[in-house]
C-alpha atoms as a PDB file:
ATOM      1  CA  MET A   1      21.082 -23.276  33.803  1.00  0.00           C
ATOM      2  CA  ASP A   2      21.730 -20.924  30.517  1.00  0.00           C
ATOM      3  CA  HIS A   3      22.800 -22.998  27.258  1.00  0.00           C
ATOM      4  CA  MET A   4      26.901 -22.898  26.549  1.00  0.00           C
ATOM      5  CA  ILE A   5      28.204 -21.984  23.363  1.00  0.00           C
ATOM      6  CA  THR A   6      30.195 -24.872  21.717  1.00  0.00           C
ATOM      7  CA  LEU A   7      32.410 -25.027  19.006  1.00  0.00           C
ATOM      8  CA  GLU A   8      29.862 -26.646  16.670  1.00  0.00           C
ATOM      9  CA  ASP A   9      27.372 -23.956  17.807  1.00  0.00           C
ATOM     10  CA  LEU A  10      30.061 -21.693  16.395  1.00  0.00           C
ATOM     11  CA  LYS A  11      30.942 -24.291  13.208  1.00  0.00           C
ATOM     12  CA  ILE A  12      34.126 -24.415  14.134  1.00  0.00           C
ATOM     13  CA  GLN A  13      36.458 -28.056  14.131  1.00  0.00           C
ATOM     14  CA  PRO A  14      38.558 -28.112  16.975  1.00  0.00           C
ATOM     15  CA  ALA A  15      42.150 -29.455  15.875  1.00  0.00           C
ATOM     16  CA  SER A  16      42.802 -33.073  14.364  1.00  0.00           C
ATOM     17  CA  LYS A  17      45.438 -33.651  17.654  1.00  0.00           C
ATOM     18  CA  PRO A  18      46.732 -31.002  20.402  1.00  0.00           C
ATOM     19  CA  LEU A  19      48.811 -27.782  18.823  1.00  0.00           C
ATOM     20  CA  ALA A  20      52.105 -26.945  19.526  1.00  0.00           C
ATOM     21  CA  LEU A  21      52.346 -23.388  21.703  1.00  0.00           C
ATOM     22  CA  VAL A  22      54.843 -21.755  19.156  1.00  0.00           C
ATOM     23  CA  TYR A  23      54.619 -18.732  20.330  1.00  0.00           C
ATOM     24  CA  SER A  24      54.532 -16.980  24.268  1.00  0.00           C
ATOM     25  CA  GLY A  25      54.637 -13.414  24.788  1.00  0.00           C
ATOM     26  CA  VAL A  26      54.206  -9.589  25.124  1.00  0.00           C
ATOM     27  CA  LEU A  27      52.698  -8.433  21.746  1.00  0.00           C
ATOM     28  CA  ALA A  28      52.235  -4.367  20.952  1.00  0.00           C
ATOM     29  CA  TYR A  29      50.045  -3.071  19.045  1.00  0.00           C
ATOM     30  CA  ASP A  30      48.712   0.682  17.719  1.00  0.00           C
ATOM     31  CA  GLY A  31      47.336   2.556  21.102  1.00  0.00           C
ATOM     32  CA  HIS A  32      44.934   4.118  18.220  1.00  0.00           C
ATOM     33  CA  PHE A  33      42.890   6.684  20.532  1.00  0.00           C
ATOM     34  CA  LYS A  34      45.506   7.143  23.140  1.00  0.00           C
ATOM     35  CA  LYS A  35      49.626   8.663  22.749  1.00  0.00           C
ATOM     36  CA  LYS A  36      50.784   5.587  24.684  1.00  0.00           C
ATOM     37  CA  SER A  37      51.468   2.350  22.629  1.00  0.00           C
ATOM     38  CA  ALA A  38      48.725  -0.588  23.599  1.00  0.00           C
ATOM     39  CA  THR A  39      50.131  -3.998  24.869  1.00  0.00           C
ATOM     40  CA  CYS A  40      48.540  -7.750  25.410  1.00  0.00           C
ATOM     41  CA  HIS A  41      50.158 -11.397  26.513  1.00  0.00           C
ATOM     42  CA  LEU A  42      49.375 -13.427  23.219  1.00  0.00           C
ATOM     43  CA  ALA A  43      49.946 -17.502  23.359  1.00  0.00           C
ATOM     44  CA  VAL A  44      49.746 -18.719  19.555  1.00  0.00           C
ATOM     45  CA  TYR A  45      48.865 -22.330  19.569  1.00  0.00           C
ATOM     46  CA  ASP A  46      49.656 -23.749  15.787  1.00  0.00           C
ATOM     47  CA  GLY A  47      49.429 -27.499  13.725  1.00  0.00           C
ATOM     48  CA  PRO A  48      48.889 -28.934  10.449  1.00  0.00           C
ATOM     49  CA  ASP A  49      45.139 -27.961  10.877  1.00  0.00           C
ATOM     50  CA  LEU A  50      44.597 -25.248  12.801  1.00  0.00           C
ATOM     51  CA  CYS A  51      46.298 -22.103  14.725  1.00  0.00           C
ATOM     52  CA  VAL A  52      44.653 -20.505  17.365  1.00  0.00           C
ATOM     53  CA  LEU A  53      45.530 -17.469  19.040  1.00  0.00           C
ATOM     54  CA  VAL A  54      44.949 -15.690  22.491  1.00  0.00           C
ATOM     55  CA  ALA A  55      45.237 -12.434  23.433  1.00  0.00           C
ATOM     56  CA  THR A  56      44.810 -12.163  27.184  1.00  0.00           C
ATOM     57  CA  GLU A  57      44.256  -8.359  28.229  1.00  0.00           C
ATOM     58  CA  ILE A  58      47.305  -7.860  31.356  1.00  0.00           C
ATOM     59  CA  PRO A  59      46.758  -5.195  33.895  1.00  0.00           C
ATOM     60  CA  GLU A  60      49.903  -3.512  32.817  1.00  0.00           C
ATOM     61  CA  ASN A  61      48.180  -2.489  30.027  1.00  0.00           C
ATOM     62  CA  GLU A  62      48.194   1.145  29.499  1.00  0.00           C
ATOM     63  CA  GLY A  63      46.956   1.509  25.810  1.00  0.00           C
ATOM     64  CA  LEU A  64      43.332   0.581  23.984  1.00  0.00           C
ATOM     65  CA  SER A  65      41.941  -2.478  25.524  1.00  0.00           C
ATOM     66  CA  ILE A  66      41.905  -5.377  23.530  1.00  0.00           C
ATOM     67  CA  THR A  67      38.174  -5.316  22.902  1.00  0.00           C
ATOM     68  CA  ASN A  68      38.378  -1.626  22.202  1.00  0.00           C
ATOM     69  CA  GLY A  69      41.746  -2.317  19.739  1.00  0.00           C
ATOM     70  CA  ILE A  70      40.930  -5.771  18.386  1.00  0.00           C
ATOM     71  CA  GLU A  71      41.645  -4.824  14.812  1.00  0.00           C
ATOM     72  CA  TYR A  72      44.607  -3.815  15.452  1.00  0.00           C
ATOM     73  CA  VAL A  73      45.373  -7.004  17.896  1.00  0.00           C
ATOM     74  CA  ALA A  74      44.769  -8.385  14.910  1.00  0.00           C
ATOM     75  CA  VAL A  75      47.141  -6.709  12.110  1.00  0.00           C
ATOM     76  CA  ALA A  76      49.584  -6.806  14.932  1.00  0.00           C
ATOM     77  CA  ALA A  77      50.035 -10.584  15.322  1.00  0.00           C
ATOM     78  CA  GLU A  78      49.331 -11.492  11.777  1.00  0.00           C
ATOM     79  CA  GLU A  79      53.212  -8.768  11.241  1.00  0.00           C
ATOM     80  CA  LEU A  80      54.899 -10.419  14.942  1.00  0.00           C
ATOM     81  CA  LEU A  81      53.733 -14.404  12.619  1.00  0.00           C
ATOM     82  CA  LYS A  82      54.283 -13.101   9.017  1.00  0.00           C
ATOM     83  CA  LEU A  83      51.040 -14.399   8.186  1.00  0.00           C
ATOM     84  CA  SER A  84      48.508 -12.598   5.657  1.00  0.00           C
ATOM     85  CA  HIS A  85      45.307 -11.618   6.312  1.00  0.00           C
ATOM     86  CA  VAL A  86      44.192 -14.606   7.680  1.00  0.00           C
ATOM     87  CA  PHE A  87      41.234 -13.639  10.337  1.00  0.00           C
ATOM     88  CA  GLY A  88      38.017 -13.386   8.304  1.00  0.00           C
ATOM     89  CA  LYS A  89      39.714 -14.430   4.678  1.00  0.00           C
ATOM     90  CA  ARG A  90      37.424 -17.303   3.398  1.00  0.00           C
ATOM     91  CA  GLY A  91      40.141 -19.557   1.534  1.00  0.00           C
ATOM     92  CA  ALA A  92      43.003 -19.671   3.902  1.00  0.00           C
ATOM     93  CA  ASP A  93      45.597 -22.338   3.704  1.00  0.00           C
ATOM     94  CA  LYS A  94      44.147 -23.151   7.488  1.00  0.00           C
ATOM     95  CA  PRO A  95      42.049 -21.386   9.432  1.00  0.00           C
ATOM     96  CA  SER A  96      43.410 -19.162  11.969  1.00  0.00           C
ATOM     97  CA  VAL A  97      40.216 -18.399  15.259  1.00  0.00           C
ATOM     98  CA  LEU A  98      41.098 -15.515  17.318  1.00  0.00           C
ATOM     99  CA  ILE A  99      40.490 -15.833  20.886  1.00  0.00           C
ATOM    100  CA  GLU A 100      40.325 -12.445  23.618  1.00  0.00           C
ATOM    101  CA  HIS A 101      40.607 -13.641  27.238  1.00  0.00           C
ATOM    102  CA  TYR A 102      40.188 -11.577  30.154  1.00  0.00           C
ATOM    103  CA  THR A 103      41.977 -12.865  33.065  1.00  0.00           C
ATOM    104  CA  PRO A 104      40.382 -11.784  37.049  1.00  0.00           C
ATOM    105  CA  GLU A 105      43.907 -10.031  37.261  1.00  0.00           C
ATOM    106  CA  SER A 106      43.225  -8.177  33.409  1.00  0.00           C
ATOM    107  CA  TYR A 107      39.975  -6.499  35.393  1.00  0.00           C
ATOM    108  CA  GLU A 108      42.140  -4.895  38.109  1.00  0.00           C
ATOM    109  CA  GLY A 109      40.394  -6.562  41.746  1.00  0.00           C
ATOM    110  CA  ARG A 110      37.243  -5.303  39.892  1.00  0.00           C
ATOM    111  CA  GLY A 111      35.873  -8.970  41.412  1.00  0.00           C
ATOM    112  CA  ARG A 112      35.199 -10.116  37.853  1.00  0.00           C
ATOM    113  CA  GLU A 113      35.756 -13.684  36.307  1.00  0.00           C
ATOM    114  CA  GLU A 114      38.635 -15.161  33.229  1.00  0.00           C
ATOM    115  CA  ASP A 115      36.160 -14.215  29.871  1.00  0.00           C
ATOM    116  CA  PHE A 116      36.869 -16.030  26.696  1.00  0.00           C
ATOM    117  CA  SER A 117      35.685 -14.556  23.120  1.00  0.00           C
ATOM    118  CA  VAL A 118      35.215 -16.078  20.077  1.00  0.00           C
ATOM    119  CA  VAL A 119      36.226 -12.787  17.842  1.00  0.00           C
ATOM    120  CA  ARG A 120      35.551 -12.833  13.694  1.00  0.00           C
ATOM    121  CA  PHE A 121      35.421 -10.451  11.221  1.00  0.00           C
ATOM    122  CA  GLU A 122      32.820  -9.227   8.726  1.00  0.00           C
ATOM    123  CA  ALA A 123      34.706 -11.278   5.421  1.00  0.00           C
ATOM    124  CA  GLU A 124      33.399  -8.140   3.378  1.00  0.00           C
ATOM    125  CA  LYS A 125      35.112  -5.441   5.734  1.00  0.00           C
ATOM    126  CA  CYS A 126      38.600  -6.219   5.928  1.00  0.00           C
ATOM    127  CA  ARG A 127      40.882  -5.680   3.309  1.00  0.00           C
ATOM    128  CA  MET A 128      44.961  -5.473   3.723  1.00  0.00           C
ATOM    129  CA  ARG A 129      45.850  -4.091   7.106  1.00  0.00           C
ATOM    130  CA  TYR A 130      42.560  -4.058   8.349  1.00  0.00           C
ATOM    131  CA  TYR A 131      39.849  -5.768   9.857  1.00  0.00           C
ATOM    132  CA  GLY A 132      36.069  -4.292  10.072  1.00  0.00           C
ATOM    133  CA  GLU A 133      32.656  -5.236  11.997  1.00  0.00           C
ATOM    134  CA  PRO A 134      34.476  -7.624  14.931  1.00  0.00           C
ATOM    135  CA  GLU A 135      31.719  -9.881  16.507  1.00  0.00           C
ATOM    136  CA  TRP A 136      32.514 -11.154  19.913  1.00  0.00           C
ATOM    137  CA  THR A 137      30.908 -14.511  21.174  1.00  0.00           C
ATOM    138  CA  PRO A 138      31.552 -15.794  24.809  1.00  0.00           C
ATOM    139  CA  VAL A 139      32.851 -19.203  25.228  1.00  0.00           C
ATOM    140  CA  GLY A 140      34.115 -21.207  27.982  1.00  0.00           C
ATOM    141  CA  ARG A 141      37.432 -22.049  29.219  1.00  0.00           C
ATOM    142  CA  ALA A 142      37.063 -25.940  28.546  1.00  0.00           C
ATOM    143  CA  GLU A 143      35.611 -24.970  25.030  1.00  0.00           C
ATOM    144  CA  VAL A 144      38.595 -23.154  23.980  1.00  0.00           C
ATOM    145  CA  GLU A 145      41.041 -26.210  25.267  1.00  0.00           C
ATOM    146  CA  ARG A 146      38.985 -28.375  23.320  1.00  0.00           C
ATOM    147  CA  LEU A 147      39.951 -26.103  20.503  1.00  0.00           C
ATOM    148  CA  ILE A 148      43.381 -26.159  21.133  1.00  0.00           C
ATOM    149  CA  GLY A 149      43.724 -29.864  22.323  1.00  0.00           C
ATOM    150  CA  ARG A 150      45.562 -29.191  25.269  1.00  0.00           C
ATOM    151  CA  GLY A 151      45.321 -27.247  28.043  1.00  0.00           C
ATOM    152  CA  LEU A 152      46.479 -23.487  28.161  1.00  0.00           C
ATOM    153  CA  ALA A 153      49.559 -22.531  28.718  1.00  0.00           C
END
């Protein structure tokens, strides 16, 4: 059996206590290459020592996928939540973790399983309203739930 990536492998500390679900809704982001606006579902779990954002590809999205537009998802999430450039930033008030999520419905019946990936941005490539060089690391649902200290909503 393949080794599943853990939070420890990624040097990410799980929340010290369960995070509260503070936002759950549709997030619009720049479609960039397509004329249609792009959308995903965003769930935000927040606590005193950690903020976790789970962006889920939705079948209704007619624009750029969350994978191809993850930099735009990060910027739109920051604007929605009034955060200041936190992904990839060293020395932020508290760590923020962005999770990319695909459900079987995201794949529009193509028989794929649920997928989660931690998305990180190269700190040196991040600047105002732009995130550069995203890197995806697959993780299991159990690790995401351990990260937020509770089941996913």
